[in-house]
Amino acid sequence: MALIKKIINNVFVKNIVIAIVVIALALIATFVSINIYTNHGEYYPVPDFRGLTEDQFSQIIKEKGFRYNIMDSAHVEEFLPGAVVEQIPAPGSMVKANRNIHFTIKAIAPEQVQIPNLVDYSLRNAKVILESYGLKTGELIYVPSEYRNLVLQQLYMGKPVEPGTVVLKGSVIDLHIGQGLSNERTNVPDLTSLTLDEAQSYSVSVSLNVGAVIYDESVLTAEDSLKAFIWKQQPPADKGERIRLGSSIDVWLSVDSAKTIIDEIIDQPEIELSDNE
C-alpha cells in the first residue's frame, strides 16, 4: 500500500499520466472534428448531369455541395454543343459532400477532318479508311470500268472532291465504284481543253473513265495542276473510234496554250492545191 502511495505521489509518474490523458483527449477531439467536417458516414447520390450545359449543372452542383471540373470535350451528335456527354462518378453513385465531379462536354466548335485519298483503293479498304477519319460512306455509284470494286472517284455533296479538302467530321462521302467492262460501245468523247476535274466528271457521265494523267513541264505547282487543260488524249476523239463502256482514256495536260494551237495545226489535213494555183 505504501508503495502505491509512493508511486502516486511521484512527480514523474504524475506527468506521464497527465500527458497520456492530454494525448487521448486530443485524439478524441481530432476524430470528432474530422467526422463533423467530412460528414462521416453520410453519402449522397450523384445526379445525372448528361445533356445539361455548364450554366445548368453549375447551380445543381452548388446546391448539392459538390465541386466539378471539365476534363475533356468530345463530338457526340445527339448532344447540344457545351452539354455534358459523360460524367465521373456515374449518375446514381453514392459520394460524400464536396466530392469533385469530372465532366466531358460536347465541343462547341465542330471538329473538322481532311478527306483522304480513296481513288484506286478497293471498296472494302475505302470504307475502313473513311471510318478511321470519322467520315461516313455514302452512296455507292457503280459505273462500267475494267477495274471491279475499285474506287474511281470520290464525291462530297454530289461533286468530285480532292484529297485534303477539309470537311466536318461525320460528313458523307459518295463513291464511284468500278463494276467491270460492258459489251456496249460508245464514241470516244473529245476531252481536249477541259480541266482534269471537268474531264473526270464528263467521262463518268458517259460511262468512261480517265486513265493515266500526264502533266508536261509547264505544270510546276498545285495551282498549275488545277488550271491545266487537256491538250492530248489517247485514244483520240477525231478518229471515229468506238470503245467499250468502262474503258479509260489517257490524258496529257498543260498550262501552255500554244500546245493546243500546235496540236490543231498538226492534226489539220493537208490542203491540195488546184492546178490553177
Protein backbone atom coordinates (compact mmCIF):
# COMPACT_ATOMS: atom_id res chain seq x y z
CA MET A 1 0.00 0.00 0.00
CA ALA A 2 2.80 2.33 0.92
CA LEU A 3 4.47 1.52 -2.39
CA ILE A 4 1.34 2.51 -4.35
CA LYS A 5 1.06 5.81 -2.46
CA LYS A 6 4.71 6.47 -3.16
CA ILE A 7 4.22 5.86 -6.89
CA ILE A 8 1.15 8.11 -7.00
CA ASN A 9 2.98 10.90 -5.22
CA ASN A 10 5.95 10.61 -7.62
CA VAL A 11 6.07 13.77 -9.79
CA PHE A 12 7.47 11.94 -12.84
CA VAL A 13 4.64 9.43 -12.84
CA LYS A 14 2.10 12.21 -12.46
CA ASN A 15 3.50 13.96 -15.53
CA ILE A 16 3.30 10.76 -17.60
CA VAL A 17 -0.32 10.20 -16.62
CA ILE A 18 -1.23 13.81 -17.42
CA ALA A 19 0.50 13.54 -20.81
CA ILE A 20 -1.38 10.36 -21.69
CA VAL A 21 -4.69 11.96 -20.75
CA VAL A 22 -3.94 15.08 -22.82
CA ILE A 23 -2.96 13.00 -25.88
CA ALA A 24 -6.09 10.86 -25.56
CA LEU A 25 -8.32 13.94 -25.35
CA ALA A 26 -6.56 15.48 -28.35
CA LEU A 27 -7.07 12.33 -30.42
CA ILE A 28 -10.73 12.18 -29.47
CA ALA A 29 -11.19 15.84 -30.37
CA THR A 30 -9.43 15.29 -33.73
CA PHE A 31 -11.60 12.32 -34.70
CA VAL A 32 -14.76 14.15 -33.69
CA SER A 33 -13.81 17.23 -35.72
CA ILE A 34 -12.92 15.11 -38.77
CA ASN A 35 -16.26 13.34 -38.58
CA ILE A 36 -18.05 16.66 -38.37
CA TYR A 37 -16.05 18.20 -41.25
CA THR A 38 -16.38 15.23 -43.61
CA ASN A 39 -19.92 14.26 -42.60
CA HIS A 40 -18.60 10.83 -41.74
CA GLY A 41 -21.00 8.13 -42.81
CA GLU A 42 -23.16 10.50 -44.90
CA TYR A 43 -23.32 9.79 -48.65
CA TYR A 44 -25.34 11.49 -51.35
CA PRO A 45 -26.42 10.24 -54.82
CA VAL A 46 -24.80 11.89 -57.83
CA PRO A 47 -27.42 13.46 -60.14
CA ASP A 48 -27.50 12.73 -63.87
CA PHE A 49 -25.92 15.79 -65.46
CA ARG A 50 -25.85 14.42 -69.03
CA GLY A 51 -27.36 16.82 -71.55
CA LEU A 52 -27.01 19.84 -69.25
CA THR A 53 -24.86 22.85 -70.08
CA GLU A 54 -22.47 24.42 -67.59
CA ASP A 55 -24.96 27.18 -66.76
CA GLN A 56 -27.50 24.50 -65.87
CA PHE A 57 -25.40 21.99 -63.93
CA SER A 58 -23.25 24.51 -62.01
CA GLN A 59 -26.26 25.59 -59.93
CA ILE A 60 -27.15 21.97 -59.11
CA ILE A 61 -23.53 21.27 -58.15
CA LYS A 62 -23.61 24.20 -55.74
CA GLU A 63 -26.90 23.13 -54.17
CA LYS A 64 -25.68 19.55 -53.65
CA GLY A 65 -22.40 20.67 -52.08
CA PHE A 66 -20.24 19.13 -54.81
CA ARG A 67 -17.42 20.55 -56.90
CA TYR A 68 -16.70 19.98 -60.60
CA ASN A 69 -14.16 20.30 -63.36
CA ILE A 70 -14.40 19.91 -67.15
CA MET A 71 -11.66 17.50 -68.13
CA ASP A 72 -12.32 16.88 -71.85
CA SER A 73 -14.53 17.56 -74.87
CA ALA A 74 -15.93 15.20 -77.48
CA HIS A 75 -18.17 15.27 -80.55
CA VAL A 76 -21.40 13.35 -79.98
CA GLU A 77 -24.17 14.10 -82.46
CA GLU A 78 -27.16 13.62 -80.14
CA PHE A 79 -25.98 16.29 -77.67
CA LEU A 80 -26.06 20.07 -77.98
CA PRO A 81 -22.72 21.96 -78.04
CA GLY A 82 -21.47 22.54 -74.50
CA ALA A 83 -23.66 19.82 -72.97
CA VAL A 84 -22.34 17.08 -70.69
CA VAL A 85 -21.84 13.80 -72.58
CA GLU A 86 -20.10 11.83 -69.80
CA GLN A 87 -19.51 12.21 -66.07
CA ILE A 88 -17.38 10.59 -63.35
CA PRO A 89 -18.72 9.33 -60.93
CA ALA A 90 -21.63 7.92 -62.88
CA PRO A 91 -25.23 9.04 -62.17
CA GLY A 92 -26.62 7.42 -59.02
CA SER A 93 -23.22 6.81 -57.42
CA MET A 94 -23.13 7.49 -53.67
CA VAL A 95 -20.45 10.02 -52.73
CA LYS A 96 -19.65 12.35 -49.85
CA ALA A 97 -20.28 16.07 -49.91
CA ASN A 98 -17.58 18.23 -51.50
CA ARG A 99 -16.78 15.45 -54.00
CA ASN A 100 -15.30 16.59 -57.33
CA ILE A 101 -17.43 15.60 -60.35
CA HIS A 102 -15.48 15.30 -63.63
CA PHE A 103 -17.29 16.18 -66.87
CA THR A 104 -16.72 15.56 -70.57
CA ILE A 105 -18.73 18.00 -72.68
CA LYS A 106 -19.56 18.24 -76.36
CA ALA A 107 -17.16 20.65 -78.05
CA ILE A 108 -18.78 23.91 -79.09
CA ALA A 109 -16.73 24.21 -82.31
CA PRO A 110 -17.47 21.31 -84.72
CA GLU A 111 -14.49 19.05 -85.41
CA GLN A 112 -13.07 19.10 -88.92
CA VAL A 113 -11.07 16.48 -90.79
CA GLN A 114 -9.35 16.19 -94.16
CA ILE A 115 -10.82 13.91 -96.79
CA PRO A 116 -8.35 11.08 -97.51
CA ASN A 117 -7.42 9.86 -100.98
CA LEU A 118 -9.66 6.87 -101.78
CA VAL A 119 -9.12 6.58 -105.54
CA ASP A 120 -7.58 3.26 -106.63
CA TYR A 121 -8.44 1.63 -103.29
CA SER A 122 -10.80 -1.33 -103.09
CA LEU A 123 -14.27 -0.59 -101.79
CA ARG A 124 -13.58 -2.53 -98.60
CA ASN A 125 -10.39 -0.58 -97.87
CA ALA A 126 -12.06 2.73 -98.72
CA LYS A 127 -14.79 2.09 -96.15
CA VAL A 128 -12.20 1.31 -93.46
CA ILE A 129 -10.24 4.47 -94.30
CA LEU A 130 -13.35 6.66 -94.18
CA GLU A 131 -14.32 5.23 -90.81
CA SER A 132 -10.83 5.84 -89.40
CA TYR A 133 -11.17 9.52 -90.40
CA GLY A 134 -14.58 9.82 -88.77
CA LEU A 135 -16.34 10.07 -92.13
CA LYS A 136 -19.28 8.07 -93.48
CA THR A 137 -19.58 6.04 -96.66
CA GLY A 138 -22.44 7.44 -98.69
CA GLU A 139 -23.99 6.36 -101.99
CA LEU A 140 -22.10 3.73 -103.98
CA ILE A 141 -22.46 4.57 -107.67
CA TYR A 142 -21.39 1.65 -109.86
CA VAL A 143 -20.03 2.60 -113.26
CA PRO A 144 -18.55 0.49 -116.07
CA SER A 145 -14.81 0.03 -115.61
CA GLU A 146 -12.15 -2.55 -116.28
CA TYR A 147 -11.44 -2.49 -112.55
CA ARG A 148 -14.13 -4.19 -110.48
CA ASN A 149 -14.88 -2.91 -106.95
CA LEU A 150 -12.19 -0.24 -107.24
CA VAL A 151 -12.88 3.37 -106.21
CA LEU A 152 -12.74 5.51 -109.35
CA GLN A 153 -13.86 8.84 -107.92
CA GLN A 154 -14.90 10.34 -104.58
CA LEU A 155 -17.62 12.93 -104.21
CA TYR A 156 -18.80 15.32 -101.49
CA MET A 157 -22.28 16.82 -101.72
CA GLY A 158 -22.59 15.43 -105.24
CA LYS A 159 -19.38 16.95 -106.60
CA PRO A 160 -15.88 15.50 -107.10
CA VAL A 161 -13.65 16.36 -104.16
CA GLU A 162 -9.87 16.44 -103.87
CA PRO A 163 -7.99 14.63 -101.07
CA GLY A 164 -7.07 17.04 -98.29
CA THR A 165 -10.31 19.02 -98.53
CA VAL A 166 -11.42 19.96 -95.01
CA VAL A 167 -14.96 18.93 -94.04
CA LEU A 168 -16.90 18.42 -90.83
CA LYS A 169 -16.29 15.14 -89.06
CA GLY A 170 -19.16 12.78 -89.81
CA SER A 171 -19.64 14.07 -93.37
CA VAL A 172 -20.84 11.64 -96.05
CA ILE A 173 -18.58 10.75 -98.98
CA ASP A 174 -20.11 9.15 -102.08
CA LEU A 175 -18.03 6.81 -104.22
CA HIS A 176 -17.92 5.82 -107.88
CA ILE A 177 -17.11 2.11 -107.96
CA GLY A 178 -15.97 0.07 -110.96
CA GLN A 179 -18.32 -2.74 -111.99
CA GLY A 180 -16.37 -4.24 -114.90
CA LEU A 181 -16.45 -3.60 -118.63
CA SER A 182 -19.67 -3.59 -120.60
CA ASN A 183 -20.12 -5.11 -124.05
CA GLU A 184 -21.75 -1.89 -125.19
CA ARG A 185 -19.61 0.60 -127.08
CA THR A 186 -19.62 4.39 -127.38
CA ASN A 187 -17.80 7.05 -129.36
CA VAL A 188 -14.60 8.43 -127.84
CA PRO A 189 -15.51 11.85 -126.41
CA ASP A 190 -13.38 14.93 -127.05
CA LEU A 191 -11.79 15.88 -123.71
CA THR A 192 -9.32 18.44 -125.06
CA SER A 193 -9.45 21.91 -123.47
CA LEU A 194 -11.13 20.50 -120.35
CA THR A 195 -9.54 20.55 -116.90
CA LEU A 196 -8.92 17.22 -115.21
CA ASP A 197 -11.96 17.63 -112.92
CA GLU A 198 -14.18 18.50 -115.88
CA ALA A 199 -12.86 15.55 -117.87
CA GLN A 200 -13.41 13.12 -115.00
CA SER A 201 -17.00 14.28 -114.45
CA TYR A 202 -17.80 14.16 -118.15
CA SER A 203 -16.19 10.75 -118.62
CA VAL A 204 -18.22 9.27 -115.78
CA SER A 205 -21.41 10.73 -117.27
CA VAL A 206 -20.81 8.73 -120.47
CA SER A 207 -19.69 5.58 -118.59
CA LEU A 208 -16.00 6.04 -119.33
CA ASN A 209 -13.03 6.81 -117.10
CA VAL A 210 -9.92 8.96 -117.16
CA GLY A 211 -6.88 6.69 -117.12
CA ALA A 212 -3.28 7.89 -116.97
CA VAL A 213 -2.78 11.59 -116.25
CA ILE A 214 0.43 13.11 -117.64
CA TYR A 215 1.46 16.71 -116.86
CA ASP A 216 4.06 18.44 -119.04
CA GLU A 217 6.99 20.60 -117.85
CA SER A 218 4.82 23.76 -117.73
CA VAL A 219 2.90 22.43 -114.71
CA LEU A 220 5.05 23.34 -111.72
CA THR A 221 2.69 23.90 -108.79
CA ALA A 222 -0.54 22.53 -107.35
CA GLU A 223 -2.27 25.68 -108.59
CA ASP A 224 -0.95 24.97 -112.09
CA SER A 225 -2.38 21.44 -111.95
CA LEU A 226 -5.83 22.82 -111.15
CA LYS A 227 -5.71 25.25 -114.09
CA ALA A 228 -4.07 22.81 -116.53
CA PHE A 229 -6.12 21.74 -119.56
CA ILE A 230 -6.06 18.61 -121.65
CA TRP A 231 -4.23 19.13 -124.94
CA LYS A 232 -3.92 15.48 -125.97
CA GLN A 233 -5.76 12.25 -125.29
CA GLN A 234 -5.43 8.57 -126.15
CA PRO A 235 -7.46 7.25 -127.88
CA PRO A 236 -8.16 10.49 -129.77
CA ALA A 237 -11.71 11.65 -130.44
CA ASP A 238 -11.31 12.55 -134.12
CA LYS A 239 -10.65 9.03 -135.39
CA GLY A 240 -14.25 7.87 -135.02
CA GLU A 241 -13.18 5.01 -132.75
CA ARG A 242 -15.79 3.32 -130.55
CA ILE A 243 -14.70 1.84 -127.23
CA ARG A 244 -16.37 -0.37 -124.64
CA LEU A 245 -18.21 1.29 -121.77
CA GLY A 246 -15.95 1.48 -118.74
CA SER A 247 -12.77 1.94 -120.79
CA SER A 248 -10.20 4.52 -119.78
CA ILE A 249 -8.87 7.49 -121.74
CA ASP A 250 -5.30 8.65 -121.04
CA VAL A 251 -4.86 12.43 -120.99
CA TRP A 252 -1.95 14.90 -121.26
CA LEU A 253 -2.27 18.28 -119.51
CA SER A 254 -0.51 21.63 -119.79
CA VAL A 255 -0.90 25.31 -118.94
CA ASP A 256 0.83 26.27 -122.18
CA SER A 257 -1.93 27.44 -124.56
CA ALA A 258 0.43 27.02 -127.51
CA LYS A 259 0.12 23.25 -127.06
CA THR A 260 -3.45 23.26 -128.33
CA ILE A 261 -2.65 25.50 -131.29
CA ILE A 262 0.30 23.35 -132.36
CA ASP A 263 -1.73 20.19 -131.93
CA GLU A 264 -4.56 21.60 -134.07
CA ILE A 265 -2.12 22.55 -136.83
CA ILE A 266 -0.55 19.09 -136.80
CA ASP A 267 -3.94 17.39 -136.93
CA GLN A 268 -5.26 19.50 -139.84
CA PRO A 269 -5.37 17.56 -143.15
CA GLU A 270 -3.12 18.80 -145.92
CA ILE A 271 -4.88 21.03 -148.45
CA GLU A 272 -4.25 20.01 -152.03
CA LEU A 273 -3.55 22.91 -154.37
CA SER A 274 -5.55 23.04 -157.60
CA ASP A 275 -3.84 23.07 -160.99
CA ASN A 276 -4.75 26.74 -161.39
CA GLU A 277 -2.82 27.78 -158.29
